[in-house]
Amino acid sequence: MNYRVLISETAQKFLSSLTSKSRGIIGRKIDDLAGNPRPHGYEPIKGASGYYRIR
């Protein structure tokens, strides 16, 4: 099952300011989240129910 990953306008602006190499690396990681939104090492964000952080 694939999920849809939404990227905020603020995040899009930040990504556009990066080098193309960095954008490519981060873009692949974001695409991977569509297949597995909770990969090994994910942690819930304290005080934000239903939200997780991924390094």
PDB file of N, CA and C in Angstrom:
ATOM      1  N   MET A   1       0.844  -1.182   0.000  1.00  0.00           N
ATOM      2  CA  MET A   1       0.000   0.000   0.000  1.00  0.00           C
ATOM      3  C   MET A   1       0.883   1.237   0.000  1.00  0.00           C
ATOM      4  N   ASN A   2       0.604   2.158  -0.876  1.00  0.00           N
ATOM      5  CA  ASN A   2       1.338   3.410  -0.916  1.00  0.00           C
ATOM      6  C   ASN A   2       0.514   4.524  -0.310  1.00  0.00           C
ATOM      7  N   TYR A   3       1.181   5.425   0.351  1.00  0.00           N
ATOM      8  CA  TYR A   3       0.568   6.585   0.966  1.00  0.00           C
ATOM      9  C   TYR A   3       0.909   7.808   0.140  1.00  0.00           C
ATOM     10  N   ARG A   4       0.228   8.887   0.411  1.00  0.00           N
ATOM     11  CA  ARG A   4       0.510  10.145  -0.265  1.00  0.00           C
ATOM     12  C   ARG A   4       1.266  11.034   0.712  1.00  0.00           C
ATOM     13  N   VAL A   5       2.376  11.586   0.268  1.00  0.00           N
ATOM     14  CA  VAL A   5       3.180  12.478   1.100  1.00  0.00           C
ATOM     15  C   VAL A   5       2.915  13.909   0.638  1.00  0.00           C
ATOM     16  N   LEU A   6       2.449  14.738   1.555  1.00  0.00           N
ATOM     17  CA  LEU A   6       2.183  16.140   1.245  1.00  0.00           C
ATOM     18  C   LEU A   6       3.317  16.993   1.786  1.00  0.00           C
ATOM     19  N   ILE A   7       3.751  17.932   0.987  1.00  0.00           N
ATOM     20  CA  ILE A   7       4.850  18.817   1.387  1.00  0.00           C
ATOM     21  C   ILE A   7       4.301  20.237   1.448  1.00  0.00           C
ATOM     22  N   SER A   8       4.483  20.875   2.595  1.00  0.00           N
ATOM     23  CA  SER A   8       3.953  22.226   2.778  1.00  0.00           C
ATOM     24  C   SER A   8       4.672  23.216   1.859  1.00  0.00           C
ATOM     25  N   GLU A   9       4.040  24.351   1.668  1.00  0.00           N
ATOM     26  CA  GLU A   9       4.630  25.395   0.833  1.00  0.00           C
ATOM     27  C   GLU A   9       5.954  25.877   1.426  1.00  0.00           C
ATOM     28  N   THR A  10       6.019  25.967   2.739  1.00  0.00           N
ATOM     29  CA  THR A  10       7.253  26.379   3.412  1.00  0.00           C
ATOM     30  C   THR A  10       8.366  25.376   3.141  1.00  0.00           C
ATOM     31  N   ALA A  11       8.038  24.093   3.229  1.00  0.00           N
ATOM     32  CA  ALA A  11       9.042  23.057   2.969  1.00  0.00           C
ATOM     33  C   ALA A  11       9.472  23.093   1.508  1.00  0.00           C
ATOM     34  N   GLN A  12       8.546  23.336   0.601  1.00  0.00           N
ATOM     35  CA  GLN A  12       8.887  23.427  -0.821  1.00  0.00           C
ATOM     36  C   GLN A  12       9.860  24.575  -1.078  1.00  0.00           C
ATOM     37  N   LYS A  13       9.627  25.703  -0.429  1.00  0.00           N
ATOM     38  CA  LYS A  13      10.539  26.846  -0.585  1.00  0.00           C
ATOM     39  C   LYS A  13      11.924  26.496  -0.058  1.00  0.00           C
ATOM     40  N   PHE A  14      11.962  25.817   1.089  1.00  0.00           N
ATOM     41  CA  PHE A  14      13.251  25.421   1.653  1.00  0.00           C
ATOM     42  C   PHE A  14      13.969  24.463   0.709  1.00  0.00           C
ATOM     43  N   LEU A  15      13.261  23.472   0.210  1.00  0.00           N
ATOM     44  CA  LEU A  15      13.875  22.500  -0.695  1.00  0.00           C
ATOM     45  C   LEU A  15      14.404  23.164  -1.960  1.00  0.00           C
ATOM     46  N   SER A  16      13.687  24.161  -2.462  1.00  0.00           N
ATOM     47  CA  SER A  16      14.128  24.835  -3.680  1.00  0.00           C
ATOM     48  C   SER A  16      15.406  25.641  -3.457  1.00  0.00           C
ATOM     49  N   SER A  17      15.716  25.964  -2.202  1.00  0.00           N
ATOM     50  CA  SER A  17      16.929  26.732  -1.914  1.00  0.00           C
ATOM     51  C   SER A  17      18.174  25.840  -1.811  1.00  0.00           C
ATOM     52  N   LEU A  18      17.979  24.523  -1.800  1.00  0.00           N
ATOM     53  CA  LEU A  18      19.095  23.591  -1.665  1.00  0.00           C
ATOM     54  C   LEU A  18      19.761  23.319  -3.005  1.00  0.00           C
ATOM     55  N   THR A  19      20.943  22.743  -2.942  1.00  0.00           N
ATOM     56  CA  THR A  19      21.622  22.334  -4.173  1.00  0.00           C
ATOM     57  C   THR A  19      20.863  21.172  -4.798  1.00  0.00           C
ATOM     58  N   SER A  20      21.064  20.958  -6.084  1.00  0.00           N
ATOM     59  CA  SER A  20      20.339  19.884  -6.763  1.00  0.00           C
ATOM     60  C   SER A  20      20.711  18.519  -6.181  1.00  0.00           C
ATOM     61  N   LYS A  21      21.946  18.351  -5.759  1.00  0.00           N
ATOM     62  CA  LYS A  21      22.363  17.080  -5.157  1.00  0.00           C
ATOM     63  C   LYS A  21      21.593  16.830  -3.857  1.00  0.00           C
ATOM     64  N   SER A  22      21.513  17.844  -3.000  1.00  0.00           N
ATOM     65  CA  SER A  22      20.785  17.711  -1.733  1.00  0.00           C
ATOM     66  C   SER A  22      19.304  17.471  -1.976  1.00  0.00           C
ATOM     67  N   ARG A  23      18.725  18.204  -2.942  1.00  0.00           N
ATOM     68  CA  ARG A  23      17.307  18.005  -3.273  1.00  0.00           C
ATOM     69  C   ARG A  23      17.044  16.578  -3.722  1.00  0.00           C
ATOM     70  N   GLY A  24      17.963  16.020  -4.495  1.00  0.00           N
ATOM     71  CA  GLY A  24      17.812  14.649  -4.971  1.00  0.00           C
ATOM     72  C   GLY A  24      17.822  13.643  -3.844  1.00  0.00           C
ATOM     73  N   ILE A  25      18.755  13.815  -2.914  1.00  0.00           N
ATOM     74  CA  ILE A  25      18.863  12.900  -1.768  1.00  0.00           C
ATOM     75  C   ILE A  25      17.609  12.983  -0.908  1.00  0.00           C
ATOM     76  N   ILE A  26      17.207  14.199  -0.572  1.00  0.00           N
ATOM     77  CA  ILE A  26      16.033  14.386   0.270  1.00  0.00           C
ATOM     78  C   ILE A  26      14.775  13.936  -0.460  1.00  0.00           C
ATOM     79  N   GLY A  27      14.688  14.216  -1.752  1.00  0.00           N
ATOM     80  CA  GLY A  27      13.524  13.807  -2.539  1.00  0.00           C
ATOM     81  C   GLY A  27      13.337  12.301  -2.549  1.00  0.00           C
ATOM     82  N   ARG A  28      14.432  11.554  -2.686  1.00  0.00           N
ATOM     83  CA  ARG A  28      14.335  10.087  -2.653  1.00  0.00           C
ATOM     84  C   ARG A  28      13.865   9.605  -1.291  1.00  0.00           C
ATOM     85  N   LYS A  29      14.353  10.220  -0.229  1.00  0.00           N
ATOM     86  CA  LYS A  29      13.926   9.839   1.120  1.00  0.00           C
ATOM     87  C   LYS A  29      12.439  10.129   1.323  1.00  0.00           C
ATOM     88  N   ILE A  30      11.974  11.259   0.829  1.00  0.00           N
ATOM     89  CA  ILE A  30      10.564  11.599   0.935  1.00  0.00           C
ATOM     90  C   ILE A  30       9.728  10.604   0.133  1.00  0.00           C
ATOM     91  N   ASP A  31      10.177  10.253  -1.070  1.00  0.00           N
ATOM     92  CA  ASP A  31       9.460   9.264  -1.879  1.00  0.00           C
ATOM     93  C   ASP A  31       9.389   7.917  -1.173  1.00  0.00           C
ATOM     94  N   ASP A  32      10.443   7.545  -0.462  1.00  0.00           N
ATOM     95  CA  ASP A  32      10.447   6.283   0.280  1.00  0.00           C
ATOM     96  C   ASP A  32       9.362   6.254   1.351  1.00  0.00           C
ATOM     97  N   LEU A  33       9.033   7.420   1.892  1.00  0.00           N
ATOM     98  CA  LEU A  33       8.001   7.490   2.928  1.00  0.00           C
ATOM     99  C   LEU A  33       6.625   7.084   2.405  1.00  0.00           C
ATOM    100  N   ALA A  34       6.392   7.224   1.108  1.00  0.00           N
ATOM    101  CA  ALA A  34       5.102   6.824   0.544  1.00  0.00           C
ATOM    102  C   ALA A  34       4.904   5.315   0.661  1.00  0.00           C
ATOM    103  N   GLY A  35       5.981   4.562   0.609  1.00  0.00           N
ATOM    104  CA  GLY A  35       5.897   3.112   0.736  1.00  0.00           C
ATOM    105  C   GLY A  35       5.961   2.631   2.172  1.00  0.00           C
ATOM    106  N   ASN A  36       6.686   3.352   3.007  1.00  0.00           N
ATOM    107  CA  ASN A  36       6.843   2.967   4.407  1.00  0.00           C
ATOM    108  C   ASN A  36       6.912   4.242   5.251  1.00  0.00           C
ATOM    109  N   PRO A  37       5.762   4.723   5.717  1.00  0.00           N
ATOM    110  CA  PRO A  37       5.738   6.000   6.432  1.00  0.00           C
ATOM    111  C   PRO A  37       6.348   5.956   7.831  1.00  0.00           C
ATOM    112  N   ARG A  38       6.614   4.769   8.334  1.00  0.00           N
ATOM    113  CA  ARG A  38       7.223   4.657   9.668  1.00  0.00           C
ATOM    114  C   ARG A  38       8.423   3.712   9.602  1.00  0.00           C
ATOM    115  N   PRO A  39       9.518   4.169   8.989  1.00  0.00           N
ATOM    116  CA  PRO A  39      10.700   3.317   8.868  1.00  0.00           C
ATOM    117  C   PRO A  39      11.395   3.108  10.213  1.00  0.00           C
ATOM    118  N   HIS A  40      12.338   2.202  10.239  1.00  0.00           N
ATOM    119  CA  HIS A  40      13.102   1.910  11.455  1.00  0.00           C
ATOM    120  C   HIS A  40      13.681   3.204  12.018  1.00  0.00           C
ATOM    121  N   GLY A  41      13.503   3.404  13.300  1.00  0.00           N
ATOM    122  CA  GLY A  41      14.071   4.575  13.964  1.00  0.00           C
ATOM    123  C   GLY A  41      13.120   5.751  14.093  1.00  0.00           C
ATOM    124  N   TYR A  42      11.890   5.606  13.616  1.00  0.00           N
ATOM    125  CA  TYR A  42      10.967   6.734  13.759  1.00  0.00           C
ATOM    126  C   TYR A  42      10.561   6.869  15.228  1.00  0.00           C
ATOM    127  N   GLU A  43      10.236   8.093  15.646  1.00  0.00           N
ATOM    128  CA  GLU A  43       9.851   8.339  17.036  1.00  0.00           C
ATOM    129  C   GLU A  43       8.672   9.304  17.064  1.00  0.00           C
ATOM    130  N   PRO A  44       7.735   9.088  17.985  1.00  0.00           N
ATOM    131  CA  PRO A  44       6.637  10.052  18.107  1.00  0.00           C
ATOM    132  C   PRO A  44       7.161  11.405  18.607  1.00  0.00           C
ATOM    133  N   ILE A  45       6.549  12.462  18.131  1.00  0.00           N
ATOM    134  CA  ILE A  45       6.914  13.803  18.584  1.00  0.00           C
ATOM    135  C   ILE A  45       6.152  14.073  19.875  1.00  0.00           C
ATOM    136  N   LYS A  46       6.876  14.422  20.921  1.00  0.00           N
ATOM    137  CA  LYS A  46       6.251  14.678  22.221  1.00  0.00           C
ATOM    138  C   LYS A  46       5.327  15.875  22.127  1.00  0.00           C
ATOM    139  N   GLY A  47       4.121  15.705  22.638  1.00  0.00           N
ATOM    140  CA  GLY A  47       3.150  16.784  22.641  1.00  0.00           C
ATOM    141  C   GLY A  47       2.384  16.953  21.342  1.00  0.00           C
ATOM    142  N   ALA A  48       2.637  16.085  20.363  1.00  0.00           N
ATOM    143  CA  ALA A  48       1.941  16.179  19.077  1.00  0.00           C
ATOM    144  C   ALA A  48       1.422  14.799  18.706  1.00  0.00           C
ATOM    145  N   SER A  49       0.273  14.474  19.195  1.00  0.00           N
ATOM    146  CA  SER A  49      -0.315  13.156  18.986  1.00  0.00           C
ATOM    147  C   SER A  49      -0.497  12.860  17.495  1.00  0.00           C
ATOM    148  N   GLY A  50      -0.023  11.707  17.072  1.00  0.00           N
ATOM    149  CA  GLY A  50      -0.177  11.288  15.687  1.00  0.00           C
ATOM    150  C   GLY A  50       0.911  11.778  14.754  1.00  0.00           C
ATOM    151  N   TYR A  51       1.915  12.478  15.265  1.00  0.00           N
ATOM    152  CA  TYR A  51       3.017  12.986  14.452  1.00  0.00           C
ATOM    153  C   TYR A  51       4.312  12.296  14.870  1.00  0.00           C
ATOM    154  N   TYR A  52       5.182  12.071  13.883  1.00  0.00           N
ATOM    155  CA  TYR A  52       6.434  11.354  14.118  1.00  0.00           C
ATOM    156  C   TYR A  52       7.590  12.097  13.488  1.00  0.00           C
ATOM    157  N   ARG A  53       8.784  11.856  14.034  1.00  0.00           N
ATOM    158  CA  ARG A  53       9.987  12.427  13.421  1.00  0.00           C
ATOM    159  C   ARG A  53      10.827  11.281  12.900  1.00  0.00           C
ATOM    160  N   ILE A  54      11.503  11.554  11.828  1.00  0.00           N
ATOM    161  CA  ILE A  54      12.365  10.563  11.187  1.00  0.00           C
ATOM    162  C   ILE A  54      13.677  11.258  10.887  1.00  0.00           C
ATOM    163  N   ARG A  55      14.765  10.619  11.248  1.00  0.00           N
ATOM    164  CA  ARG A  55      16.074  11.200  10.953  1.00  0.00           C
ATOM    165  C   ARG A  55      16.562  10.711   9.632  1.00  0.00           C
TER     166      ARG A  55
END
